[in-house]
C-alpha cells in the first residue's frame, strides 16, 4: 500500500483466535494501524437480525463473519473504475497491466507491486491507457481521480454517505462506482451496487424465485 509515510506491506497470519501482523517499509507503522479494520473489528455481525426464510438461515450459518475495511479509498476507487462496464476477467487483466506500468515493488520479502502511483496516473495521457485495455472514458476518469488522490484518501475518516457524495461529484463516477469503493474502503455492508449487470437478478431470484429483476425491486 501507499501511505502518507511512504510505501508499506502488511502481512497478516491467523493463529487460532489471534491475528498476527508484520509490516515492512517506511509506512509500516501507519499500515499496522489499519489491521483492526482489515479484520473487521469495527463490524458487529450481531446487528443483522432477521427471520427471513432465506436470509435468516444464511446469517446463522455464517454467524461471526465480518465486513473488513481497508481505509484505502483511492486504491478501492481505482479498482472500481477499472471494473466499470467490463467483465471481471477484463478488469483483472487491466488492473495487473496498470500495476506493471505505473508502480514499483513494495517493501518486504515478497515481490508484490504497490498500488499504481497517482501522480503518474494523472500525468499520463489517455491514449497510453489503450494498450492496457482501458478506453478513453475510463482513462479520463482515472486521471481525474488520481489528480485528487490526496483528498480522496482523506475520505476514509468520514461517513460513507459523505464519501460517496464527494466521489460522485467527479465526472465518470456514479452510484455503482462509489458503492463498490466504500464497500471495500469503509467496510459498508449496506452499500448496494445499483446499476450492476448481475446483482439485481441474483437478489430478486433468491428472494422471490423470479429469474429477472430491476434495481428498484432489489432495493
Protein backbone atom coordinates (compact mmCIF):
# COMPACT_ATOMS: atom_id res chain seq x y z
CA UNK A 1 0.00 0.00 0.00
CA UNK A 2 0.94 3.66 -0.33
CA UNK A 3 0.72 5.54 2.96
CA UNK A 4 1.37 9.17 3.98
CA UNK A 5 4.69 7.92 5.40
CA UNK A 6 5.73 6.01 2.30
CA UNK A 7 5.15 2.53 0.88
CA UNK A 8 4.35 -0.41 3.14
CA UNK A 9 3.48 -4.08 3.04
CA UNK A 10 1.36 -5.66 5.78
CA UNK A 11 1.34 -9.43 6.25
CA UNK A 12 -1.46 -11.00 8.30
CA UNK A 13 -1.50 -14.52 9.72
CA UNK A 14 -4.29 -16.09 11.69
CA UNK A 15 -3.25 -18.22 14.65
CA UNK A 16 -6.27 -19.65 16.45
CA UNK A 17 -8.25 -16.70 17.80
CA UNK A 18 -5.36 -14.31 17.17
CA UNK A 19 -4.31 -12.37 14.11
CA UNK A 20 -0.61 -11.61 13.91
CA UNK A 21 0.59 -8.74 11.75
CA UNK A 22 4.04 -7.84 10.43
CA UNK A 23 4.79 -4.76 8.35
CA UNK A 24 7.63 -3.61 6.15
CA UNK A 25 8.75 -0.29 4.68
CA UNK A 26 8.64 3.38 5.68
CA UNK A 27 4.86 3.24 6.13
CA UNK A 28 4.94 0.11 8.31
CA UNK A 29 3.61 1.77 11.48
CA UNK A 30 0.84 3.54 9.55
CA UNK A 31 -0.12 0.27 7.85
CA UNK A 32 -0.27 -1.59 11.16
CA UNK A 33 -2.81 0.98 12.30
CA UNK A 34 -5.21 -0.38 9.68
CA UNK A 35 -5.04 -4.02 10.79
CA UNK A 36 -8.06 -3.93 13.12
CA UNK A 37 -10.15 -2.56 10.25
CA UNK A 38 -8.81 -5.20 7.86
CA UNK A 39 -10.03 -7.88 10.26
CA UNK A 40 -13.48 -6.35 10.68
CA UNK A 41 -13.18 -5.40 14.34
CA UNK A 42 -15.36 -2.33 13.66
CA UNK A 43 -18.19 -4.51 12.37
CA UNK A 44 -20.76 -6.07 14.67
CA UNK A 45 -22.35 -9.09 12.97
CA UNK A 46 -24.98 -9.41 15.73
CA UNK A 47 -26.75 -6.33 14.32
CA UNK A 48 -28.08 -8.49 11.46
CA UNK A 49 -31.28 -9.89 12.96
CA UNK A 50 -33.81 -11.44 10.60
CA UNK A 51 -36.26 -14.31 10.43
CA UNK A 52 -36.44 -14.19 6.62
CA UNK A 53 -36.71 -17.74 5.32
CA UNK A 54 -33.67 -17.26 3.03
CA UNK A 55 -31.53 -14.68 4.80
CA UNK A 56 -32.10 -15.96 8.34
CA UNK A 57 -30.54 -19.42 7.88
CA UNK A 58 -27.63 -17.89 5.94
CA UNK A 59 -26.98 -15.38 8.74
CA UNK A 60 -26.96 -18.15 11.34
CA UNK A 61 -24.74 -20.38 9.21
CA UNK A 62 -22.17 -17.61 8.79
CA UNK A 63 -22.51 -16.15 12.28
CA UNK A 64 -19.48 -14.08 13.17
CA UNK A 65 -18.37 -13.26 9.63
CA UNK A 66 -17.42 -9.61 9.41
CA UNK A 67 -17.02 -6.86 6.83
CA UNK A 68 -13.48 -5.53 6.89
CA UNK A 69 -12.44 -2.04 5.90
CA UNK A 70 -9.15 -1.15 4.23
CA UNK A 71 -9.15 2.61 4.84
CA UNK A 72 -7.50 2.96 1.41
CA UNK A 73 -10.07 4.94 -0.55
CA UNK A 74 -8.14 5.78 -3.71
CA UNK A 75 -6.99 2.18 -4.11
CA UNK A 76 -10.58 0.92 -3.85
CA UNK A 77 -11.83 3.66 -6.20
CA UNK A 78 -9.18 2.86 -8.81
CA UNK A 79 -10.18 -0.80 -8.82
CA UNK A 80 -13.85 0.16 -9.15
CA UNK A 81 -13.19 2.50 -12.09
CA UNK A 82 -11.19 -0.17 -13.90
CA UNK A 83 -14.13 -2.58 -13.42
CA UNK A 84 -16.73 -0.22 -14.94
CA UNK A 85 -18.73 -1.78 -17.80
CA UNK A 86 -16.36 -4.72 -18.33
CA UNK A 87 -16.19 -8.34 -17.21
CA UNK A 88 -14.28 -9.37 -14.11
CA UNK A 89 -11.58 -11.02 -16.21
CA UNK A 90 -11.08 -7.87 -18.28
CA UNK A 91 -10.88 -5.74 -15.15
CA UNK A 92 -8.32 -8.04 -13.55
CA UNK A 93 -6.20 -8.02 -16.70
CA UNK A 94 -6.23 -4.22 -16.90
CA UNK A 95 -5.56 -3.90 -13.18
CA UNK A 96 -2.43 -6.03 -13.48
CA UNK A 97 -1.32 -4.01 -16.51
CA UNK A 98 -1.76 -0.75 -14.57
CA UNK A 99 0.44 -2.01 -11.78
CA UNK A 100 3.16 -3.12 -14.14
CA UNK A 101 3.04 0.22 -15.96
CA UNK A 102 2.59 2.69 -13.09
CA UNK A 103 4.01 1.05 -9.99
CA UNK A 104 7.09 -0.42 -8.35
CA UNK A 105 7.81 -3.26 -5.99
CA UNK A 106 6.56 -2.97 -2.44
CA UNK A 107 8.88 -3.34 0.56
CA UNK A 108 9.23 -6.71 2.20
CA UNK A 109 10.36 -10.23 1.30
CA UNK A 110 7.78 -10.89 -1.43
CA UNK A 111 7.79 -9.42 -4.93
CA UNK A 112 4.50 -7.56 -4.63
CA UNK A 113 3.55 -4.46 -6.58
CA UNK A 114 2.21 -1.34 -4.92
CA UNK A 115 -0.99 0.38 -5.95
CA UNK A 116 -0.25 2.47 -9.08
CA UNK A 117 1.30 5.85 -8.35
CA UNK A 118 -1.48 8.52 -8.51
CA UNK A 119 0.90 11.21 -9.78
CA UNK A 120 2.00 9.05 -12.69
CA UNK A 121 -1.60 8.07 -13.45
CA UNK A 122 -2.70 11.71 -13.53
CA UNK A 123 0.20 12.84 -15.73
CA UNK A 124 -0.20 10.13 -18.38
CA UNK A 125 -2.30 10.99 -21.47
CA UNK A 126 -5.39 8.87 -22.03
CA UNK A 127 -4.10 7.20 -25.18
CA UNK A 128 -1.30 5.49 -23.23
CA UNK A 129 -4.01 3.59 -21.35
CA UNK A 130 -5.33 1.95 -24.54
CA UNK A 131 -2.69 -0.84 -24.66
CA UNK A 132 -3.71 -1.68 -21.07
CA UNK A 133 -7.28 -2.40 -22.16
CA UNK A 134 -8.70 0.88 -20.85
CA UNK A 135 -10.55 3.16 -23.26
CA UNK A 136 -10.62 6.96 -23.07
CA UNK A 137 -13.71 7.25 -20.87
CA UNK A 138 -12.27 5.15 -18.03
CA UNK A 139 -8.79 6.54 -18.60
CA UNK A 140 -10.03 10.10 -18.16
CA UNK A 141 -11.93 9.09 -15.00
CA UNK A 142 -8.78 7.50 -13.58
CA UNK A 143 -6.74 10.61 -14.39
CA UNK A 144 -9.29 12.91 -12.72
CA UNK A 145 -9.45 10.75 -9.61
CA UNK A 146 -5.67 10.38 -9.45
CA UNK A 147 -5.21 14.16 -9.54
CA UNK A 148 -7.40 14.35 -6.41
CA UNK A 149 -5.96 11.26 -4.68
CA UNK A 150 -4.84 13.06 -1.52
CA UNK A 151 -8.32 14.39 -0.77
CA UNK A 152 -9.94 11.11 -1.80
CA UNK A 153 -7.81 9.16 0.69
CA UNK A 154 -8.88 11.58 3.43
CA UNK A 155 -12.45 10.37 2.91
CA UNK A 156 -11.54 7.29 4.97
CA UNK A 157 -12.27 9.43 8.03
CA UNK A 158 -15.83 10.45 7.08
CA UNK A 159 -19.14 8.61 6.96
CA UNK A 160 -19.85 6.66 3.80
CA UNK A 161 -22.71 8.93 2.72
CA UNK A 162 -20.36 11.91 2.73
CA UNK A 163 -17.61 9.93 1.00
CA UNK A 164 -19.97 8.77 -1.73
CA UNK A 165 -21.34 12.29 -2.26
CA UNK A 166 -17.82 13.61 -2.76
CA UNK A 167 -16.80 10.83 -5.13
CA UNK A 168 -19.94 11.23 -7.24
CA UNK A 169 -19.06 14.88 -7.88
CA UNK A 170 -16.26 13.60 -10.13
CA UNK A 171 -17.23 13.09 -13.75
CA UNK A 172 -17.34 9.39 -14.57
CA UNK A 173 -18.19 8.26 -11.03
CA UNK A 174 -21.78 7.40 -10.20
CA UNK A 175 -23.66 5.22 -7.70
CA UNK A 176 -22.21 1.87 -8.79
CA UNK A 177 -18.60 3.03 -8.57
CA UNK A 178 -18.99 4.82 -5.25
CA UNK A 179 -20.76 1.80 -3.72
CA UNK A 180 -18.04 -0.58 -4.92
CA UNK A 181 -15.48 1.78 -3.37
CA UNK A 182 -16.93 2.28 0.11
CA UNK A 183 -17.81 -1.40 0.46
CA UNK A 184 -14.06 -2.01 0.48
CA UNK A 185 -12.56 1.18 1.91
CA UNK A 186 -15.18 1.71 4.63
CA UNK A 187 -16.49 -1.83 5.05
CA UNK A 188 -20.00 -0.57 4.33
CA UNK A 189 -22.22 -3.64 4.38
CA UNK A 190 -25.18 -1.60 3.12
CA UNK A 191 -23.52 -0.15 0.01
CA UNK A 192 -25.61 -1.61 -2.83
CA UNK A 193 -24.12 -1.64 -6.33
CA UNK A 194 -27.08 -0.16 -8.18
CA UNK A 195 -26.57 -0.47 -11.92
CA UNK A 196 -24.70 -3.76 -11.75
CA UNK A 197 -25.48 -6.17 -14.57
CA UNK A 198 -25.94 -9.26 -12.37
CA UNK A 199 -26.67 -8.29 -8.75
CA UNK A 200 -30.27 -7.20 -9.21
CA UNK A 201 -31.12 -10.53 -10.87
CA UNK A 202 -29.30 -12.56 -8.21
CA UNK A 203 -31.08 -10.78 -5.34
CA UNK A 204 -34.54 -10.97 -6.92
CA UNK A 205 -34.03 -14.64 -7.81
CA UNK A 206 -33.06 -15.65 -4.27
CA UNK A 207 -35.71 -13.56 -2.54
CA UNK A 208 -38.67 -14.06 -4.89
CA UNK A 209 -37.87 -17.02 -7.15
CA UNK A 210 -38.20 -14.89 -10.31
CA UNK A 211 -35.19 -15.12 -12.63
CA UNK A 212 -35.03 -11.42 -13.53
CA UNK A 213 -35.46 -8.20 -11.62
CA UNK A 214 -34.77 -4.48 -11.58
CA UNK A 215 -32.67 -2.29 -9.32
CA UNK A 216 -35.86 -0.90 -7.79
CA UNK A 217 -37.09 -4.40 -6.89
CA UNK A 218 -33.70 -5.30 -5.47
CA UNK A 219 -33.65 -2.25 -3.21
